[in-house]
Amino acid sequence: QVQLRESGGGSVQPGGSLRLSCATVGVTYRAACMAWFRQSPGKEREGVASISSSGVTSVAESVKGRFSVSQDNAKNTLYLQMNSLKPEDTAMYYCAADWRANRVCPDYFNPPYSYWGQGTQVTVSP
C-alpha cells in the first residue's frame, strides 16, 4: 500500500526557511509526477510545485524564486525548499503522487492526484 509521509513543517519568522520532506513508502518505482500543495483555512487548495519522474520541475508563480522542489530517488523522498517565507505562506502543506504515465505534472487538478500525504503545518509569523 502506497503511503506518503510528510515532515519538516513548523513555525518560522518571516524571511526564514524550512525544508519539507515527503517519503514514499510501499512502492519502489518512481511516480510519474509528484507535487506539493497547500491549503489555508477558508482558501482553496493551491498547487505549489511539481516534479516529473525525469526531474522536470514546475513552481507556482506565487512562490517562484523562493521555493524549489527536488527529489532523492535513492531515498524515495520528495523535498520542498522554502526560503524567504512570508506570512501568506502559512498553510497546511501536502505532498501528492501519481503513477499514471500520461499525467501532465504541472496540471495540478486535472486529473486529481491519486495519493496524498497527511499534511504538515507551516506557520510564518513574527
C-alpha atoms as a PDB file:
ATOM      1  CA  GLN A   1       0.000   0.000   0.000  1.00  0.00           C
ATOM      2  CA  VAL A   2       1.390   3.355  -1.014  1.00  0.00           C
ATOM      3  CA  GLN A   3       1.866   5.901   1.752  1.00  0.00           C
ATOM      4  CA  LEU A   4       3.228   9.419   1.596  1.00  0.00           C
ATOM      5  CA  ARG A   5       4.689  10.761   4.820  1.00  0.00           C
ATOM      6  CA  GLU A   6       5.420  14.491   5.119  1.00  0.00           C
ATOM      7  CA  SER A   7       7.699  16.052   7.686  1.00  0.00           C
ATOM      8  CA  GLY A   8       9.596  19.256   8.270  1.00  0.00           C
ATOM      9  CA  GLY A   9       6.820  21.711   8.976  1.00  0.00           C
ATOM     10  CA  GLY A  10       6.940  24.137  11.864  1.00  0.00           C
ATOM     11  CA  SER A  11       6.879  27.756  12.913  1.00  0.00           C
ATOM     12  CA  VAL A  12       9.294  30.272  11.475  1.00  0.00           C
ATOM     13  CA  GLN A  13       9.659  34.035  11.354  1.00  0.00           C
ATOM     14  CA  PRO A  14       9.190  35.956   8.113  1.00  0.00           C
ATOM     15  CA  GLY A  15      12.288  35.681   5.970  1.00  0.00           C
ATOM     16  CA  GLY A  16      13.147  32.291   7.386  1.00  0.00           C
ATOM     17  CA  SER A  17      13.493  28.934   5.657  1.00  0.00           C
ATOM     18  CA  LEU A  18      12.088  25.446   6.010  1.00  0.00           C
ATOM     19  CA  ARG A  19      12.570  22.228   4.078  1.00  0.00           C
ATOM     20  CA  LEU A  20       9.664  19.847   3.819  1.00  0.00           C
ATOM     21  CA  SER A  21      10.194  16.169   3.103  1.00  0.00           C
ATOM     22  CA  CYS A  22       7.808  13.566   1.754  1.00  0.00           C
ATOM     23  CA  ALA A  23       8.837   9.939   1.965  1.00  0.00           C
ATOM     24  CA  THR A  24       7.142   7.437  -0.323  1.00  0.00           C
ATOM     25  CA  VAL A  25       6.556   4.081   1.315  1.00  0.00           C
ATOM     26  CA  GLY A  26       5.218   0.879  -0.185  1.00  0.00           C
ATOM     27  CA  VAL A  27       6.420   1.266  -3.755  1.00  0.00           C
ATOM     28  CA  THR A  28       9.859   1.066  -5.288  1.00  0.00           C
ATOM     29  CA  TYR A  29       9.365   2.593  -8.717  1.00  0.00           C
ATOM     30  CA  ARG A  30       9.256   6.299  -9.330  1.00  0.00           C
ATOM     31  CA  ALA A  31       5.975   8.156  -9.614  1.00  0.00           C
ATOM     32  CA  ALA A  32       5.200   9.822 -12.931  1.00  0.00           C
ATOM     33  CA  CYS A  33       4.544  13.043 -11.046  1.00  0.00           C
ATOM     34  CA  MET A  34       4.912  14.256  -7.511  1.00  0.00           C
ATOM     35  CA  ALA A  35       3.687  17.576  -6.241  1.00  0.00           C
ATOM     36  CA  TRP A  36       3.295  19.855  -3.272  1.00  0.00           C
ATOM     37  CA  PHE A  37       0.007  21.538  -2.454  1.00  0.00           C
ATOM     38  CA  ARG A  38      -1.008  23.879   0.311  1.00  0.00           C
ATOM     39  CA  GLN A  39      -4.254  24.961   1.860  1.00  0.00           C
ATOM     40  CA  SER A  40      -5.040  27.547   4.491  1.00  0.00           C
ATOM     41  CA  PRO A  41      -8.388  27.992   6.256  1.00  0.00           C
ATOM     42  CA  GLY A  42     -11.027  29.473   4.024  1.00  0.00           C
ATOM     43  CA  LYS A  43      -8.960  29.118   0.874  1.00  0.00           C
ATOM     44  CA  GLU A  44      -8.900  26.588  -1.908  1.00  0.00           C
ATOM     45  CA  ARG A  45      -6.097  24.094  -2.186  1.00  0.00           C
ATOM     46  CA  GLU A  46      -3.244  25.506  -4.257  1.00  0.00           C
ATOM     47  CA  GLY A  47      -0.674  23.640  -6.289  1.00  0.00           C
ATOM     48  CA  VAL A  48       2.772  24.846  -5.268  1.00  0.00           C
ATOM     49  CA  ALA A  49       5.339  22.772  -7.143  1.00  0.00           C
ATOM     50  CA  SER A  50       5.663  19.585  -9.128  1.00  0.00           C
ATOM     51  CA  ILE A  51       8.373  17.298 -10.428  1.00  0.00           C
ATOM     52  CA  SER A  52       8.238  14.603 -13.062  1.00  0.00           C
ATOM     53  CA  SER A  53       9.949  11.231 -12.982  1.00  0.00           C
ATOM     54  CA  SER A  54      12.587  12.668 -15.313  1.00  0.00           C
ATOM     55  CA  GLY A  55      13.224  15.575 -12.961  1.00  0.00           C
ATOM     56  CA  VAL A  56      11.402  18.354 -14.783  1.00  0.00           C
ATOM     57  CA  THR A  57      10.158  20.843 -12.210  1.00  0.00           C
ATOM     58  CA  SER A  58       7.464  23.465 -12.123  1.00  0.00           C
ATOM     59  CA  VAL A  59       6.825  26.066  -9.433  1.00  0.00           C
ATOM     60  CA  ALA A  60       3.761  28.246  -8.976  1.00  0.00           C
ATOM     61  CA  GLU A  61       4.119  31.941  -9.730  1.00  0.00           C
ATOM     62  CA  SER A  62       3.197  32.815  -6.158  1.00  0.00           C
ATOM     63  CA  VAL A  63       6.356  31.120  -4.839  1.00  0.00           C
ATOM     64  CA  LYS A  64       8.706  31.346  -7.793  1.00  0.00           C
ATOM     65  CA  GLY A  65      12.183  32.442  -6.788  1.00  0.00           C
ATOM     66  CA  ARG A  66      11.596  31.404  -3.171  1.00  0.00           C
ATOM     67  CA  PHE A  67      10.548  27.744  -3.295  1.00  0.00           C
ATOM     68  CA  SER A  68      12.183  24.854  -5.098  1.00  0.00           C
ATOM     69  CA  VAL A  69      11.244  21.208  -5.467  1.00  0.00           C
ATOM     70  CA  SER A  70      13.606  18.261  -5.724  1.00  0.00           C
ATOM     71  CA  GLN A  71      13.693  14.544  -5.162  1.00  0.00           C
ATOM     72  CA  ASP A  72      16.175  11.969  -3.963  1.00  0.00           C
ATOM     73  CA  ASN A  73      15.367   8.839  -5.929  1.00  0.00           C
ATOM     74  CA  ALA A  74      17.622   6.662  -3.806  1.00  0.00           C
ATOM     75  CA  LYS A  75      15.645   7.645  -0.722  1.00  0.00           C
ATOM     76  CA  ASN A  76      12.242   7.792  -2.435  1.00  0.00           C
ATOM     77  CA  THR A  77      11.840  11.239  -0.935  1.00  0.00           C
ATOM     78  CA  LEU A  78      10.435  14.484  -2.283  1.00  0.00           C
ATOM     79  CA  TYR A  79      11.556  17.847  -0.920  1.00  0.00           C
ATOM     80  CA  LEU A  80      10.249  21.389  -0.901  1.00  0.00           C
ATOM     81  CA  GLN A  81      12.835  24.007  -0.006  1.00  0.00           C
ATOM     82  CA  MET A  82      11.125  27.167   1.135  1.00  0.00           C
ATOM     83  CA  ASN A  83      13.147  30.358   1.523  1.00  0.00           C
ATOM     84  CA  SER A  84      12.196  33.964   2.273  1.00  0.00           C
ATOM     85  CA  LEU A  85       8.989  32.773   3.861  1.00  0.00           C
ATOM     86  CA  LYS A  86       6.113  35.206   4.204  1.00  0.00           C
ATOM     87  CA  PRO A  87       3.073  35.154   6.495  1.00  0.00           C
ATOM     88  CA  GLU A  88       0.909  34.367   3.474  1.00  0.00           C
ATOM     89  CA  ASP A  89       2.813  31.087   3.096  1.00  0.00           C
ATOM     90  CA  THR A  90       1.156  29.873   6.276  1.00  0.00           C
ATOM     91  CA  ALA A  91      -0.816  26.746   5.387  1.00  0.00           C
ATOM     92  CA  MET A  92      -1.052  23.010   5.660  1.00  0.00           C
ATOM     93  CA  TYR A  93       1.295  21.556   3.076  1.00  0.00           C
ATOM     94  CA  TYR A  94       0.544  18.249   1.391  1.00  0.00           C
ATOM     95  CA  CYS A  95       2.539  16.075  -0.945  1.00  0.00           C
ATOM     96  CA  ALA A  96       0.849  14.063  -3.654  1.00  0.00           C
ATOM     97  CA  ALA A  97       1.888  11.427  -6.149  1.00  0.00           C
ATOM     98  CA  ASP A  98       0.546   9.872  -9.295  1.00  0.00           C
ATOM     99  CA  TRP A  99       1.815   6.863 -11.221  1.00  0.00           C
ATOM    100  CA  ARG A 100      -0.311   7.297 -14.329  1.00  0.00           C
ATOM    101  CA  ALA A 101       2.109   7.563 -17.225  1.00  0.00           C
ATOM    102  CA  ASN A 102       0.113  10.105 -19.242  1.00  0.00           C
ATOM    103  CA  ARG A 103      -0.188  12.599 -16.420  1.00  0.00           C
ATOM    104  CA  VAL A 104       0.966  16.186 -17.077  1.00  0.00           C
ATOM    105  CA  CYS A 105       2.729  17.108 -13.867  1.00  0.00           C
ATOM    106  CA  PRO A 106       2.117  20.880 -13.636  1.00  0.00           C
ATOM    107  CA  ASP A 107      -1.600  20.324 -14.177  1.00  0.00           C
ATOM    108  CA  TYR A 108      -2.364  20.013 -10.506  1.00  0.00           C
ATOM    109  CA  PHE A 109      -6.081  19.322 -10.658  1.00  0.00           C
ATOM    110  CA  ASN A 110      -6.852  17.616 -13.945  1.00  0.00           C
ATOM    111  CA  PRO A 111      -6.989  14.807 -13.072  1.00  0.00           C
ATOM    112  CA  PRO A 112      -6.687  14.925  -9.310  1.00  0.00           C
ATOM    113  CA  TYR A 113      -3.575  13.334  -7.874  1.00  0.00           C
ATOM    114  CA  SER A 114      -4.135   9.767  -6.746  1.00  0.00           C
ATOM    115  CA  TYR A 115      -2.187   9.585  -3.498  1.00  0.00           C
ATOM    116  CA  TRP A 116      -1.860  12.126  -0.720  1.00  0.00           C
ATOM    117  CA  GLY A 117       0.053  12.561   2.489  1.00  0.00           C
ATOM    118  CA  GLN A 118      -1.481  13.640   5.764  1.00  0.00           C
ATOM    119  CA  GLY A 119      -0.060  17.152   5.602  1.00  0.00           C
ATOM    120  CA  THR A 120       2.426  19.165   7.615  1.00  0.00           C
ATOM    121  CA  GLN A 121       1.682  22.611   9.049  1.00  0.00           C
ATOM    122  CA  VAL A 122       3.817  25.614   8.180  1.00  0.00           C
ATOM    123  CA  THR A 123       3.278  28.791  10.174  1.00  0.00           C
ATOM    124  CA  VAL A 124       5.087  32.021   9.348  1.00  0.00           C
ATOM    125  CA  SER A 125       4.663  34.782  11.906  1.00  0.00           C
ATOM    126  CA  PRO A 126       6.782  37.433  13.672  1.00  0.00           C
END
